[in-house]
């Protein structure tokens, strides 16, 4: 979900650095338009680990969907 509380999609997969164990990115099945991020061949969005603000029952990602809607891919 975005920092504004809006649901952005569901987690499809995560990418980890196998040497360091660090999270690289989270691959999301988007709900609606998300621009400005890399996409997989299947159209899923790759959210970089640096955009994740919090983790609980949801991943909280910054910036919000409104910011992404205004970005060019």
N, C-alpha and C. Protein backbone atom coordinates (compact mmCIF):
# COMPACT_ATOMS: atom_id res chain seq x y z
N UNK A 1 0.85 -1.17 0.00
CA UNK A 1 0.00 0.00 0.00
C UNK A 1 0.89 1.22 0.00
N UNK A 2 0.37 2.29 -0.55
CA UNK A 2 1.11 3.54 -0.57
C UNK A 2 1.10 4.18 0.80
N UNK A 3 1.96 5.15 0.99
CA UNK A 3 2.05 5.86 2.26
C UNK A 3 0.74 6.56 2.61
N UNK A 4 -0.11 6.77 1.59
CA UNK A 4 -1.41 7.40 1.82
C UNK A 4 -2.49 6.39 2.20
N UNK A 5 -2.13 5.09 2.30
CA UNK A 5 -3.08 4.06 2.71
C UNK A 5 -3.81 3.39 1.56
N UNK A 6 -3.55 3.82 0.34
CA UNK A 6 -4.23 3.23 -0.81
C UNK A 6 -3.53 1.94 -1.24
N UNK A 7 -4.30 0.91 -1.50
CA UNK A 7 -3.75 -0.39 -1.92
C UNK A 7 -3.23 -0.27 -3.35
N UNK A 8 -1.98 -0.71 -3.56
CA UNK A 8 -1.34 -0.60 -4.86
C UNK A 8 -1.35 -1.91 -5.64
N UNK A 9 -1.44 -3.04 -4.94
CA UNK A 9 -1.42 -4.33 -5.59
C UNK A 9 -1.05 -5.42 -4.61
N UNK A 10 -0.83 -6.62 -5.14
CA UNK A 10 -0.46 -7.74 -4.29
C UNK A 10 0.96 -8.21 -4.66
N UNK A 11 1.68 -8.66 -3.65
CA UNK A 11 3.05 -9.12 -3.86
C UNK A 11 3.02 -10.43 -4.66
N UNK A 12 3.80 -10.45 -5.72
CA UNK A 12 3.94 -11.64 -6.54
C UNK A 12 5.22 -12.39 -6.18
N UNK A 13 6.30 -11.62 -5.94
CA UNK A 13 7.59 -12.23 -5.69
C UNK A 13 8.51 -11.18 -5.06
N UNK A 14 9.61 -11.64 -4.49
CA UNK A 14 10.64 -10.73 -3.98
C UNK A 14 11.97 -11.15 -4.58
N UNK A 15 12.88 -10.19 -4.71
CA UNK A 15 14.22 -10.46 -5.21
C UNK A 15 15.20 -10.12 -4.11
N UNK A 16 16.05 -11.10 -3.78
CA UNK A 16 17.05 -10.93 -2.73
C UNK A 16 18.44 -11.04 -3.33
N UNK A 17 19.40 -10.35 -2.73
CA UNK A 17 20.80 -10.52 -3.07
C UNK A 17 21.26 -11.78 -2.35
N UNK A 18 21.63 -12.81 -3.08
CA UNK A 18 21.96 -14.09 -2.45
C UNK A 18 23.28 -14.06 -1.68
N UNK A 19 24.10 -13.08 -1.95
CA UNK A 19 25.37 -12.96 -1.23
C UNK A 19 25.17 -12.26 0.11
N UNK A 20 24.42 -11.14 0.09
CA UNK A 20 24.26 -10.33 1.31
C UNK A 20 22.98 -10.63 2.06
N UNK A 21 21.99 -11.23 1.37
CA UNK A 21 20.69 -11.47 2.00
C UNK A 21 19.79 -10.25 2.00
N UNK A 22 20.24 -9.16 1.39
CA UNK A 22 19.44 -7.93 1.37
C UNK A 22 18.32 -8.02 0.33
N UNK A 23 17.20 -7.39 0.67
CA UNK A 23 16.08 -7.28 -0.24
C UNK A 23 16.45 -6.31 -1.36
N UNK A 24 16.25 -6.72 -2.61
CA UNK A 24 16.54 -5.88 -3.76
C UNK A 24 15.27 -5.18 -4.24
N UNK A 25 14.23 -5.95 -4.49
CA UNK A 25 12.96 -5.36 -4.89
C UNK A 25 11.81 -6.33 -4.61
N UNK A 26 10.61 -5.78 -4.73
CA UNK A 26 9.39 -6.54 -4.55
C UNK A 26 8.62 -6.44 -5.86
N UNK A 27 8.21 -7.58 -6.40
CA UNK A 27 7.45 -7.61 -7.65
C UNK A 27 5.97 -7.67 -7.30
N UNK A 28 5.20 -6.73 -7.84
CA UNK A 28 3.80 -6.55 -7.47
C UNK A 28 2.89 -6.70 -8.68
N UNK A 29 1.76 -7.39 -8.49
CA UNK A 29 0.67 -7.37 -9.47
C UNK A 29 -0.10 -6.08 -9.19
N UNK A 30 0.04 -5.07 -10.04
CA UNK A 30 -0.55 -3.77 -9.73
C UNK A 30 -2.07 -3.76 -9.85
N UNK A 31 -2.68 -2.92 -9.04
CA UNK A 31 -4.12 -2.64 -9.12
C UNK A 31 -4.25 -1.23 -9.66
N UNK A 32 -4.43 -1.10 -10.95
CA UNK A 32 -4.53 0.21 -11.56
C UNK A 32 -3.21 0.66 -12.16
N UNK A 33 -3.11 1.96 -12.43
CA UNK A 33 -1.94 2.51 -13.11
C UNK A 33 -0.82 2.82 -12.13
N UNK A 34 0.34 2.24 -12.36
CA UNK A 34 1.56 2.58 -11.63
C UNK A 34 2.64 2.83 -12.67
N UNK A 35 3.08 4.06 -12.76
CA UNK A 35 4.10 4.43 -13.75
C UNK A 35 5.38 4.82 -13.03
N UNK A 36 6.47 4.83 -13.76
CA UNK A 36 7.73 5.30 -13.23
C UNK A 36 8.59 4.21 -12.60
N UNK A 37 8.19 2.96 -12.73
CA UNK A 37 8.96 1.85 -12.20
C UNK A 37 9.21 0.83 -13.30
N UNK A 38 10.28 0.06 -13.15
CA UNK A 38 10.54 -1.03 -14.08
C UNK A 38 9.41 -2.04 -14.00
N UNK A 39 9.17 -2.71 -15.11
CA UNK A 39 8.15 -3.76 -15.17
C UNK A 39 8.79 -5.05 -15.67
N UNK A 40 8.19 -6.15 -15.27
CA UNK A 40 8.60 -7.45 -15.78
C UNK A 40 7.96 -7.64 -17.15
N UNK A 41 8.36 -8.69 -17.85
CA UNK A 41 7.74 -8.99 -19.15
C UNK A 41 6.26 -9.27 -19.02
N UNK A 42 5.82 -9.72 -17.85
CA UNK A 42 4.41 -10.02 -17.61
C UNK A 42 3.62 -8.78 -17.17
N UNK A 43 4.27 -7.60 -17.10
CA UNK A 43 3.58 -6.37 -16.74
C UNK A 43 3.53 -6.09 -15.26
N UNK A 44 4.18 -6.90 -14.46
CA UNK A 44 4.23 -6.66 -13.01
C UNK A 44 5.22 -5.53 -12.72
N UNK A 45 5.01 -4.84 -11.62
CA UNK A 45 5.83 -3.69 -11.25
C UNK A 45 6.92 -4.12 -10.28
N UNK A 46 8.15 -3.65 -10.51
CA UNK A 46 9.26 -3.90 -9.60
C UNK A 46 9.41 -2.67 -8.69
N UNK A 47 9.09 -2.83 -7.42
CA UNK A 47 9.25 -1.75 -6.46
C UNK A 47 10.60 -1.92 -5.77
N UNK A 48 11.50 -0.96 -5.89
CA UNK A 48 12.81 -1.10 -5.26
C UNK A 48 12.70 -1.13 -3.74
N UNK A 49 13.58 -1.88 -3.11
CA UNK A 49 13.57 -1.99 -1.65
C UNK A 49 13.68 -0.62 -0.99
N UNK A 50 14.38 0.29 -1.63
CA UNK A 50 14.55 1.63 -1.06
C UNK A 50 13.24 2.39 -0.92
N UNK A 51 12.18 1.96 -1.63
CA UNK A 51 10.89 2.65 -1.54
C UNK A 51 10.01 2.10 -0.41
N UNK A 52 10.43 1.02 0.24
CA UNK A 52 9.63 0.41 1.30
C UNK A 52 9.88 1.13 2.62
N UNK A 53 8.81 1.67 3.20
CA UNK A 53 8.89 2.42 4.45
C UNK A 53 8.61 1.56 5.66
N UNK A 54 7.74 0.59 5.53
CA UNK A 54 7.35 -0.21 6.67
C UNK A 54 6.84 -1.57 6.25
N UNK A 55 6.81 -2.47 7.20
CA UNK A 55 6.39 -3.83 6.93
C UNK A 55 5.59 -4.34 8.11
N UNK A 56 4.37 -4.79 7.84
CA UNK A 56 3.52 -5.40 8.85
C UNK A 56 2.65 -6.37 8.08
N UNK A 57 1.34 -6.26 8.16
CA UNK A 57 0.46 -7.06 7.32
C UNK A 57 0.52 -6.56 5.87
N UNK A 58 0.97 -5.32 5.69
CA UNK A 58 1.14 -4.69 4.39
C UNK A 58 2.55 -4.14 4.28
N UNK A 59 3.06 -4.06 3.05
CA UNK A 59 4.27 -3.29 2.80
C UNK A 59 3.82 -1.86 2.60
N UNK A 60 4.43 -0.93 3.26
CA UNK A 60 4.10 0.48 3.06
C UNK A 60 5.20 1.08 2.19
N UNK A 61 4.78 1.64 1.05
CA UNK A 61 5.71 2.12 0.04
C UNK A 61 5.54 3.61 -0.13
N UNK A 62 6.65 4.30 -0.30
CA UNK A 62 6.65 5.74 -0.56
C UNK A 62 7.29 5.94 -1.92
N UNK A 63 6.79 6.74 -2.78
CA UNK A 63 5.70 7.68 -2.66
C UNK A 63 4.33 7.03 -2.85
N UNK A 64 3.32 7.87 -2.94
CA UNK A 64 1.95 7.41 -3.04
C UNK A 64 1.57 7.11 -4.49
N UNK A 65 0.43 6.49 -4.69
CA UNK A 65 -0.07 6.18 -6.03
C UNK A 65 -0.21 7.47 -6.85
N UNK A 66 -0.66 8.56 -6.25
CA UNK A 66 -0.84 9.80 -7.00
C UNK A 66 0.47 10.26 -7.62
N UNK A 67 1.57 10.09 -6.89
CA UNK A 67 2.87 10.45 -7.43
C UNK A 67 3.20 9.58 -8.63
N UNK A 68 2.92 8.28 -8.52
CA UNK A 68 3.22 7.35 -9.61
C UNK A 68 2.35 7.62 -10.81
N UNK A 69 1.09 7.99 -10.60
CA UNK A 69 0.19 8.25 -11.73
C UNK A 69 0.73 9.38 -12.58
N UNK A 70 1.39 10.36 -11.95
CA UNK A 70 1.89 11.50 -12.67
C UNK A 70 3.25 11.30 -13.30
N UNK A 71 3.91 10.17 -13.04
CA UNK A 71 5.24 9.91 -13.58
C UNK A 71 5.15 9.28 -14.94
N UNK A 72 6.15 9.53 -15.74
CA UNK A 72 6.25 8.85 -17.03
C UNK A 72 7.08 7.61 -16.86
N UNK A 73 6.67 6.52 -17.49
CA UNK A 73 7.41 5.25 -17.41
C UNK A 73 8.69 5.34 -18.22
